[in-house]
Amino acid sequence: MDQKNTTHFGYKEVPVEDKVKHVAGVFHAVAGKYDLMNDLMSMGIHRLWKRFTLHTSGVRRGAKVLDIAGGTGDLALKFSKMVGSTGHVILADINASMLNVGRDRLTDEGVTGNINYVQANAECLPFPDNSFDCITIAFGLRNVTDKDAALRSMHRILKPGGQLLVLEFSQPADWLAPIYDTYSFKLLPKIGKLFSGDEESYRYLAESIRMHPDQESLKAMMTEAGFERCDYNNMSAGIVALHSGYKF
């Protein structure tokens, strides 16, 4: 298969134009039990990772926030409270099933006045230049086919002085790597099979994490896309990293 026209889907090589379809299939399959599986897979620690992201954002009342790959709405729910009635939050996701779960959840929580939902591809975000005070993407960038294009698109729509936060699985410390690999490839797919009846989707998730750029590589990609003061914070010994960058 021609490497120039292919990209990775987990450890497989697939045609570039087919990756979105393959990723969509994974998230259509897991959407209904996504929150349950996040709690099981991370033993609830994902809530602390997201809490740190919210704290780092510094979002205040009146701000305009875009949460890309927002899925079931964990961050959007909190942001809607942080920005208040004078602010606005957009929950965006390329996957209709995930977006519907997020919309239903936030509606059930009573969040209606300051939030909208947009089905969008991160590589070509359908918003005007300089639109948002803060953009977040949590556990979504690794599923994007052209990450460089996505980062450039985020930079374009961020206001001057605005911040991008990328929360994503990353490269753990050397001492943890063997334990993490055993968990990811032996235990995680079996948890997926037991609780959601879907082993293959969770095998893909483990593989996609390994194919994602490490901390320094992603920092360099953000700088190349035009972001300044780029940095990252490792959490859980590097299993997850929160990258940040600003537009000036």
C-alpha atoms as a PDB file:
ATOM      1  CA  MET A   1       0.000   0.000   0.000  1.00  0.00           C
ATOM      2  CA  ASP A   2       1.341   3.433  -0.994  1.00  0.00           C
ATOM      3  CA  GLN A   3       2.616   5.073   2.216  1.00  0.00           C
ATOM      4  CA  LYS A   4       1.931   8.558   0.833  1.00  0.00           C
ATOM      5  CA  ASN A   5      -1.784   7.829   0.601  1.00  0.00           C
ATOM      6  CA  THR A   6      -2.168   5.911   3.834  1.00  0.00           C
ATOM      7  CA  THR A   7      -2.281   6.677   7.524  1.00  0.00           C
ATOM      8  CA  HIS A   8      -2.429   4.630  10.703  1.00  0.00           C
ATOM      9  CA  PHE A   9      -5.600   3.326  12.273  1.00  0.00           C
ATOM     10  CA  GLY A  10      -4.156   1.832  15.411  1.00  0.00           C
ATOM     11  CA  TYR A  11      -1.371  -0.387  14.130  1.00  0.00           C
ATOM     12  CA  LYS A  12      -3.027  -0.875  10.729  1.00  0.00           C
ATOM     13  CA  GLU A  13      -2.333   1.154   7.606  1.00  0.00           C
ATOM     14  CA  VAL A  14      -5.507   2.391   5.909  1.00  0.00           C
ATOM     15  CA  PRO A  15      -6.209   4.809   3.033  1.00  0.00           C
ATOM     16  CA  VAL A  16      -6.197   8.405   4.316  1.00  0.00           C
ATOM     17  CA  GLU A  17      -9.741   9.000   3.122  1.00  0.00           C
ATOM     18  CA  ASP A  18     -10.994   5.954   5.054  1.00  0.00           C
ATOM     19  CA  LYS A  19      -9.657   6.774   8.528  1.00  0.00           C
ATOM     20  CA  VAL A  20     -12.556   9.036   9.488  1.00  0.00           C
ATOM     21  CA  LYS A  21     -14.973   6.216   8.625  1.00  0.00           C
ATOM     22  CA  HIS A  22     -13.003   3.692  10.706  1.00  0.00           C
ATOM     23  CA  VAL A  23     -12.775   6.023  13.720  1.00  0.00           C
ATOM     24  CA  ALA A  24     -16.479   6.813  13.392  1.00  0.00           C
ATOM     25  CA  GLY A  25     -17.238   3.113  13.590  1.00  0.00           C
ATOM     26  CA  VAL A  26     -15.336   2.816  16.863  1.00  0.00           C
ATOM     27  CA  PHE A  27     -17.155   5.695  18.519  1.00  0.00           C
ATOM     28  CA  HIS A  28     -20.586   4.734  17.180  1.00  0.00           C
ATOM     29  CA  ALA A  29     -19.939   1.401  18.890  1.00  0.00           C
ATOM     30  CA  VAL A  30     -18.847   2.791  22.273  1.00  0.00           C
ATOM     31  CA  ALA A  31     -20.935   5.994  22.551  1.00  0.00           C
ATOM     32  CA  GLY A  32     -23.661   4.536  24.747  1.00  0.00           C
ATOM     33  CA  LYS A  33     -21.235   3.270  27.390  1.00  0.00           C
ATOM     34  CA  TYR A  34     -18.423   5.772  26.899  1.00  0.00           C
ATOM     35  CA  ASP A  35     -18.671   7.345  30.373  1.00  0.00           C
ATOM     36  CA  LEU A  36     -18.900   3.974  32.111  1.00  0.00           C
ATOM     37  CA  MET A  37     -15.875   2.689  30.214  1.00  0.00           C
ATOM     38  CA  ASN A  38     -13.858   5.828  31.013  1.00  0.00           C
ATOM     39  CA  ASP A  39     -14.469   5.251  34.714  1.00  0.00           C
ATOM     40  CA  LEU A  40     -13.576   1.571  34.462  1.00  0.00           C
ATOM     41  CA  MET A  41     -10.470   2.047  32.305  1.00  0.00           C
ATOM     42  CA  SER A  42      -8.987   4.887  34.353  1.00  0.00           C
ATOM     43  CA  MET A  43     -10.400   3.830  37.741  1.00  0.00           C
ATOM     44  CA  GLY A  44     -12.038   7.253  37.830  1.00  0.00           C
ATOM     45  CA  ILE A  45      -8.777   9.171  37.501  1.00  0.00           C
ATOM     46  CA  HIS A  46      -9.908  10.755  34.204  1.00  0.00           C
ATOM     47  CA  ARG A  47     -12.072  13.051  36.334  1.00  0.00           C
ATOM     48  CA  LEU A  48      -8.952  14.452  38.025  1.00  0.00           C
ATOM     49  CA  TRP A  49      -7.216  14.931  34.667  1.00  0.00           C
ATOM     50  CA  LYS A  50     -10.217  16.910  33.413  1.00  0.00           C
ATOM     51  CA  ARG A  51     -10.469  18.905  36.653  1.00  0.00           C
ATOM     52  CA  PHE A  52      -6.841  20.007  36.194  1.00  0.00           C
ATOM     53  CA  THR A  53      -7.643  20.984  32.599  1.00  0.00           C
ATOM     54  CA  LEU A  54     -10.562  23.135  33.741  1.00  0.00           C
ATOM     55  CA  HIS A  55      -8.410  24.790  36.401  1.00  0.00           C
ATOM     56  CA  THR A  56      -5.580  25.456  33.924  1.00  0.00           C
ATOM     57  CA  SER A  57      -7.984  27.032  31.419  1.00  0.00           C
ATOM     58  CA  GLY A  58      -8.595  30.054  33.659  1.00  0.00           C
ATOM     59  CA  VAL A  59     -11.946  30.489  31.908  1.00  0.00           C
ATOM     60  CA  ARG A  60     -14.086  33.248  33.415  1.00  0.00           C
ATOM     61  CA  ARG A  61     -17.605  34.562  33.102  1.00  0.00           C
ATOM     62  CA  GLY A  62     -18.396  35.904  29.666  1.00  0.00           C
ATOM     63  CA  ALA A  63     -15.786  33.791  27.875  1.00  0.00           C
ATOM     64  CA  LYS A  64     -16.426  31.953  24.626  1.00  0.00           C
ATOM     65  CA  VAL A  65     -15.188  28.354  24.750  1.00  0.00           C
ATOM     66  CA  LEU A  66     -14.948  25.609  22.110  1.00  0.00           C
ATOM     67  CA  ASP A  67     -14.649  22.012  23.292  1.00  0.00           C
ATOM     68  CA  ILE A  68     -13.560  19.890  20.313  1.00  0.00           C
ATOM     69  CA  ALA A  69     -14.187  16.127  20.338  1.00  0.00           C
ATOM     70  CA  GLY A  70     -16.298  16.979  23.361  1.00  0.00           C
ATOM     71  CA  GLY A  71     -18.109  13.662  23.260  1.00  0.00           C
ATOM     72  CA  THR A  72     -20.393  13.148  26.216  1.00  0.00           C
ATOM     73  CA  GLY A  73     -19.890  16.667  27.517  1.00  0.00           C
ATOM     74  CA  ASP A  74     -17.736  16.348  30.649  1.00  0.00           C
ATOM     75  CA  LEU A  75     -15.805  19.554  30.002  1.00  0.00           C
ATOM     76  CA  ALA A  76     -18.637  21.429  28.295  1.00  0.00           C
ATOM     77  CA  LEU A  77     -20.890  20.918  31.313  1.00  0.00           C
ATOM     78  CA  LYS A  78     -18.330  22.514  33.630  1.00  0.00           C
ATOM     79  CA  PHE A  79     -17.442  25.272  31.172  1.00  0.00           C
ATOM     80  CA  SER A  80     -21.115  26.250  30.840  1.00  0.00           C
ATOM     81  CA  LYS A  81     -21.164  26.982  34.566  1.00  0.00           C
ATOM     82  CA  MET A  82     -17.819  28.796  34.464  1.00  0.00           C
ATOM     83  CA  VAL A  83     -18.764  31.189  31.638  1.00  0.00           C
ATOM     84  CA  GLY A  84     -22.239  31.925  33.017  1.00  0.00           C
ATOM     85  CA  SER A  85     -25.152  33.491  31.204  1.00  0.00           C
ATOM     86  CA  THR A  86     -22.968  36.087  29.472  1.00  0.00           C
ATOM     87  CA  GLY A  87     -20.596  33.477  28.037  1.00  0.00           C
ATOM     88  CA  HIS A  88     -21.014  30.759  25.467  1.00  0.00           C
ATOM     89  CA  VAL A  89     -19.816  27.177  24.982  1.00  0.00           C
ATOM     90  CA  ILE A  90     -19.796  25.137  21.786  1.00  0.00           C
ATOM     91  CA  LEU A  91     -19.547  21.363  22.102  1.00  0.00           C
ATOM     92  CA  ALA A  92     -18.165  20.019  18.835  1.00  0.00           C
ATOM     93  CA  ASP A  93     -17.612  16.438  17.748  1.00  0.00           C
ATOM     94  CA  ILE A  94     -17.193  14.775  14.367  1.00  0.00           C
ATOM     95  CA  ASN A  95     -19.215  11.768  15.531  1.00  0.00           C
ATOM     96  CA  ALA A  96     -23.001  12.157  15.550  1.00  0.00           C
ATOM     97  CA  SER A  97     -23.535   9.363  18.092  1.00  0.00           C
ATOM     98  CA  MET A  98     -21.167  10.954  20.605  1.00  0.00           C
ATOM     99  CA  LEU A  99     -22.638  14.416  19.988  1.00  0.00           C
ATOM    100  CA  ASN A 100     -26.170  13.112  20.603  1.00  0.00           C
ATOM    101  CA  VAL A 101     -25.103  11.496  23.884  1.00  0.00           C
ATOM    102  CA  GLY A 102     -23.490  14.781  24.959  1.00  0.00           C
ATOM    103  CA  ARG A 103     -26.538  16.847  23.992  1.00  0.00           C
ATOM    104  CA  ASP A 104     -28.921  14.514  25.844  1.00  0.00           C
ATOM    105  CA  ARG A 105     -26.738  14.496  28.941  1.00  0.00           C
ATOM    106  CA  LEU A 106     -26.357  18.268  29.159  1.00  0.00           C
ATOM    107  CA  THR A 107     -30.064  18.810  28.457  1.00  0.00           C
ATOM    108  CA  ASP A 108     -30.870  16.417  31.305  1.00  0.00           C
ATOM    109  CA  GLU A 109     -28.540  18.494  33.499  1.00  0.00           C
ATOM    110  CA  GLY A 110     -30.525  21.605  32.621  1.00  0.00           C
ATOM    111  CA  VAL A 111     -27.826  23.213  30.464  1.00  0.00           C
ATOM    112  CA  THR A 112     -29.636  24.930  27.603  1.00  0.00           C
ATOM    113  CA  GLY A 113     -29.106  28.700  27.548  1.00  0.00           C
ATOM    114  CA  ASN A 114     -25.400  29.148  26.825  1.00  0.00           C
ATOM    115  CA  ILE A 115     -24.419  26.082  24.803  1.00  0.00           C
ATOM    116  CA  ASN A 116     -24.653  24.918  21.194  1.00  0.00           C
ATOM    117  CA  TYR A 117     -23.724  21.658  19.486  1.00  0.00           C
ATOM    118  CA  VAL A 118     -21.841  21.422  16.202  1.00  0.00           C
ATOM    119  CA  GLN A 119     -20.830  18.349  14.229  1.00  0.00           C
ATOM    120  CA  ALA A 120     -17.423  19.323  12.893  1.00  0.00           C
ATOM    121  CA  ASN A 121     -14.100  17.951  11.679  1.00  0.00           C
ATOM    122  CA  ALA A 122     -11.180  19.338  13.692  1.00  0.00           C
ATOM    123  CA  GLU A 123      -9.097  19.667  10.515  1.00  0.00           C
ATOM    124  CA  CYS A 124     -11.416  22.315   9.052  1.00  0.00           C
ATOM    125  CA  LEU A 125     -13.373  23.933  11.868  1.00  0.00           C
ATOM    126  CA  PRO A 126     -16.413  25.901  10.593  1.00  0.00           C
ATOM    127  CA  PHE A 127     -15.912  29.049  12.659  1.00  0.00           C
ATOM    128  CA  PRO A 128     -14.669  32.564  11.824  1.00  0.00           C
ATOM    129  CA  ASP A 129     -11.137  33.689  12.620  1.00  0.00           C
ATOM    130  CA  ASN A 130     -10.469  34.902  16.179  1.00  0.00           C
ATOM    131  CA  SER A 131     -13.687  33.486  17.641  1.00  0.00           C
ATOM    132  CA  PHE A 132     -12.790  31.787  20.942  1.00  0.00           C
ATOM    133  CA  ASP A 133     -11.092  32.718  24.204  1.00  0.00           C
ATOM    134  CA  CYS A 134     -10.270  29.080  24.964  1.00  0.00           C
ATOM    135  CA  ILE A 135     -10.253  25.863  22.929  1.00  0.00           C
ATOM    136  CA  THR A 136      -9.987  22.409  24.461  1.00  0.00           C
ATOM    137  CA  ILE A 137      -9.654  18.966  22.924  1.00  0.00           C
ATOM    138  CA  ALA A 138      -9.600  16.068  25.386  1.00  0.00           C
ATOM    139  CA  PHE A 139      -8.665  12.571  24.222  1.00  0.00           C
ATOM    140  CA  GLY A 140      -9.558  13.448  20.657  1.00  0.00           C
ATOM    141  CA  LEU A 141      -6.449  14.662  18.855  1.00  0.00           C
ATOM    142  CA  ARG A 142      -4.985  11.172  18.521  1.00  0.00           C
ATOM    143  CA  ASN A 143      -7.996  10.172  16.389  1.00  0.00           C
ATOM    144  CA  VAL A 144      -7.540  13.051  13.936  1.00  0.00           C
ATOM    145  CA  THR A 145      -6.007  12.057  10.597  1.00  0.00           C
ATOM    146  CA  ASP A 146      -4.100  15.300   9.888  1.00  0.00           C
ATOM    147  CA  LYS A 147      -3.123  16.618  13.298  1.00  0.00           C
ATOM    148  CA  ASP A 148      -1.065  19.485  11.853  1.00  0.00           C
ATOM    149  CA  ALA A 149      -4.073  20.742   9.894  1.00  0.00           C
ATOM    150  CA  ALA A 150      -6.233  20.486  13.008  1.00  0.00           C
ATOM    151  CA  LEU A 151      -3.788  22.502  15.097  1.00  0.00           C
ATOM    152  CA  ARG A 152      -3.598  25.192  12.391  1.00  0.00           C
ATOM    153  CA  SER A 153      -7.388  25.314  12.259  1.00  0.00           C
ATOM    154  CA  MET A 154      -7.570  25.740  16.038  1.00  0.00           C
ATOM    155  CA  HIS A 155      -4.967  28.499  15.904  1.00  0.00           C
ATOM    156  CA  ARG A 156      -6.941  30.355  13.229  1.00  0.00           C
ATOM    157  CA  ILE A 157     -10.172  30.512  15.246  1.00  0.00           C
ATOM    158  CA  LEU A 158      -8.550  31.300  18.610  1.00  0.00           C
ATOM    159  CA  LYS A 159      -8.630  34.948  19.660  1.00  0.00           C
ATOM    160  CA  PRO A 160      -5.321  36.759  20.223  1.00  0.00           C
ATOM    161  CA  GLY A 161      -4.428  36.088  23.849  1.00  0.00           C
ATOM    162  CA  GLY A 162      -6.501  32.896  23.816  1.00  0.00           C
ATOM    163  CA  GLN A 163      -5.320  29.482  24.981  1.00  0.00           C
ATOM    164  CA  LEU A 164      -5.453  25.994  23.471  1.00  0.00           C
ATOM    165  CA  LEU A 165      -5.449  23.012  25.848  1.00  0.00           C
ATOM    166  CA  VAL A 166      -4.819  19.498  24.530  1.00  0.00           C
ATOM    167  CA  LEU A 167      -5.473  16.732  27.050  1.00  0.00           C
ATOM    168  CA  GLU A 168      -4.257  13.428  25.646  1.00  0.00           C
ATOM    169  CA  PHE A 169      -2.694  10.100  26.466  1.00  0.00           C
ATOM    170  CA  SER A 170       1.054  10.319  26.082  1.00  0.00           C
ATOM    171  CA  GLN A 171       4.292   8.470  26.799  1.00  0.00           C
ATOM    172  CA  PRO A 172       4.588   7.158  30.378  1.00  0.00           C
ATOM    173  CA  ALA A 173       7.773   7.067  32.419  1.00  0.00           C
ATOM    174  CA  ASP A 174      10.141   4.220  31.563  1.00  0.00           C
ATOM    175  CA  TRP A 175       9.517   2.383  34.839  1.00  0.00           C
ATOM    176  CA  LEU A 176       5.765   2.335  34.184  1.00  0.00           C
ATOM    177  CA  ALA A 177       5.815   1.395  30.499  1.00  0.00           C
ATOM    178  CA  PRO A 178       5.861  -2.439  30.882  1.00  0.00           C
ATOM    179  CA  ILE A 179       2.983  -2.396  33.383  1.00  0.00           C
ATOM    180  CA  TYR A 180       1.033   0.040  31.206  1.00  0.00           C
ATOM    181  CA  ASP A 181       1.560  -2.098  28.096  1.00  0.00           C
ATOM    182  CA  THR A 182       0.319  -5.212  29.870  1.00  0.00           C
ATOM    183  CA  TYR A 183      -2.772  -3.375  31.068  1.00  0.00           C
ATOM    184  CA  SER A 184      -3.454  -1.769  27.676  1.00  0.00           C
ATOM    185  CA  PHE A 185      -3.094  -4.826  25.472  1.00  0.00           C
ATOM    186  CA  LYS A 186      -4.064  -7.683  27.774  1.00  0.00           C
ATOM    187  CA  LEU A 187      -6.608  -6.298  30.215  1.00  0.00           C
ATOM    188  CA  LEU A 188      -8.231  -3.309  28.496  1.00  0.00           C
ATOM    189  CA  PRO A 189      -9.732  -5.226  25.525  1.00  0.00           C
ATOM    190  CA  LYS A 190     -11.161  -7.811  27.932  1.00  0.00           C
ATOM    191  CA  ILE A 191     -12.758  -5.050  30.039  1.00  0.00           C
ATOM    192  CA  GLY A 192     -14.270  -3.689  26.829  1.00  0.00           C
ATOM    193  CA  LYS A 193     -15.630  -7.098  25.900  1.00  0.00           C
ATOM    194  CA  LEU A 194     -17.050  -7.739  29.367  1.00  0.00           C
ATOM    195  CA  PHE A 195     -18.834  -4.406  29.879  1.00  0.00           C
ATOM    196  CA  SER A 196     -19.656  -3.301  26.329  1.00  0.00           C
ATOM    197  CA  GLY A 197     -19.386  -6.484  24.263  1.00  0.00           C
ATOM    198  CA  ASP A 198     -16.756  -4.798  22.092  1.00  0.00           C
ATOM    199  CA  GLU A 199     -13.169  -6.002  22.328  1.00  0.00           C
ATOM    200  CA  GLU A 200     -11.886  -4.638  19.010  1.00  0.00           C
ATOM    201  CA  SER A 201     -12.766  -0.994  19.681  1.00  0.00           C
ATOM    202  CA  TYR A 202     -10.770  -1.002  22.903  1.00  0.00           C
ATOM    203  CA  ARG A 203      -7.848  -2.732  21.234  1.00  0.00           C
ATOM    204  CA  TYR A 204      -7.871   0.132  18.710  1.00  0.00           C
ATOM    205  CA  LEU A 205      -7.926   2.690  21.531  1.00  0.00           C
ATOM    206  CA  ALA A 206      -4.821   1.113  23.074  1.00  0.00           C
ATOM    207  CA  GLU A 207      -3.041   1.065  19.710  1.00  0.00           C
ATOM    208  CA  SER A 208      -4.028   4.654  18.872  1.00  0.00           C
ATOM    209  CA  ILE A 209      -2.428   5.853  22.101  1.00  0.00           C
ATOM    210  CA  ARG A 210       0.895   4.255  21.088  1.00  0.00           C
ATOM    211  CA  MET A 211       0.769   5.916  17.653  1.00  0.00           C
ATOM    212  CA  HIS A 212       0.147   9.397  19.079  1.00  0.00           C
ATOM    213  CA  PRO A 213       3.111  11.821  19.227  1.00  0.00           C
ATOM    214  CA  ASP A 214       4.980  11.913  22.530  1.00  0.00           C
ATOM    215  CA  GLN A 215       5.102  14.998  24.740  1.00  0.00           C
ATOM    216  CA  GLU A 216       7.998  16.812  23.069  1.00  0.00           C
ATOM    217  CA  SER A 217       6.785  15.947  19.554  1.00  0.00           C
ATOM    218  CA  LEU A 218       3.319  17.366  20.185  1.00  0.00           C
ATOM    219  CA  LYS A 219       4.820  20.475  21.760  1.00  0.00           C
ATOM    220  CA  ALA A 220       6.886  20.997  18.592  1.00  0.00           C
ATOM    221  CA  MET A 221       3.801  20.472  16.406  1.00  0.00           C
ATOM    222  CA  MET A 222       1.904  23.150  18.340  1.00  0.00           C
ATOM    223  CA  THR A 223       4.796  25.573  17.936  1.00  0.00           C
ATOM    224  CA  GLU A 224       4.930  24.825  14.208  1.00  0.00           C
ATOM    225  CA  ALA A 225       1.190  25.557  13.960  1.00  0.00           C
ATOM    226  CA  GLY A 226       1.802  29.054  15.328  1.00  0.00           C
ATOM    227  CA  PHE A 227       1.173  28.677  19.048  1.00  0.00           C
ATOM    228  CA  GLU A 228       3.498  30.394  21.510  1.00  0.00           C
ATOM    229  CA  ARG A 229       4.587  29.651  25.088  1.00  0.00           C
ATOM    230  CA  CYS A 230       3.870  25.988  24.434  1.00  0.00           C
ATOM    231  CA  ASP A 231       4.342  23.674  27.385  1.00  0.00           C
ATOM    232  CA  TYR A 232       2.921  20.531  28.959  1.00  0.00           C
ATOM    233  CA  ASN A 233       2.227  18.980  32.337  1.00  0.00           C
ATOM    234  CA  ASN A 234       2.567  15.237  32.808  1.00  0.00           C
ATOM    235  CA  MET A 235      -0.032  13.490  34.928  1.00  0.00           C
ATOM    236  CA  SER A 236      -0.078   9.936  36.268  1.00  0.00           C
ATOM    237  CA  ALA A 237       3.638   9.507  35.437  1.00  0.00           C
ATOM    238  CA  GLY A 238       3.139  10.619  31.843  1.00  0.00           C
ATOM    239  CA  ILE A 239       0.229   8.337  30.975  1.00  0.00           C
ATOM    240  CA  VAL A 240      -1.589  11.593  30.225  1.00  0.00           C
ATOM    241  CA  ALA A 241      -0.222  15.037  29.388  1.00  0.00           C
ATOM    242  CA  LEU A 242      -1.933  18.406  29.229  1.00  0.00           C
ATOM    243  CA  HIS A 243      -0.384  20.576  26.524  1.00  0.00           C
ATOM    244  CA  SER A 244      -1.022  24.301  26.401  1.00  0.00           C
ATOM    245  CA  GLY A 245      -0.264  27.028  23.902  1.00  0.00           C
ATOM    246  CA  TYR A 246      -1.299  30.630  23.291  1.00  0.00           C
ATOM    247  CA  LYS A 247      -2.063  32.783  20.275  1.00  0.00           C
ATOM    248  CA  PHE A 248      -0.570  36.275  20.339  1.00  0.00           C
END
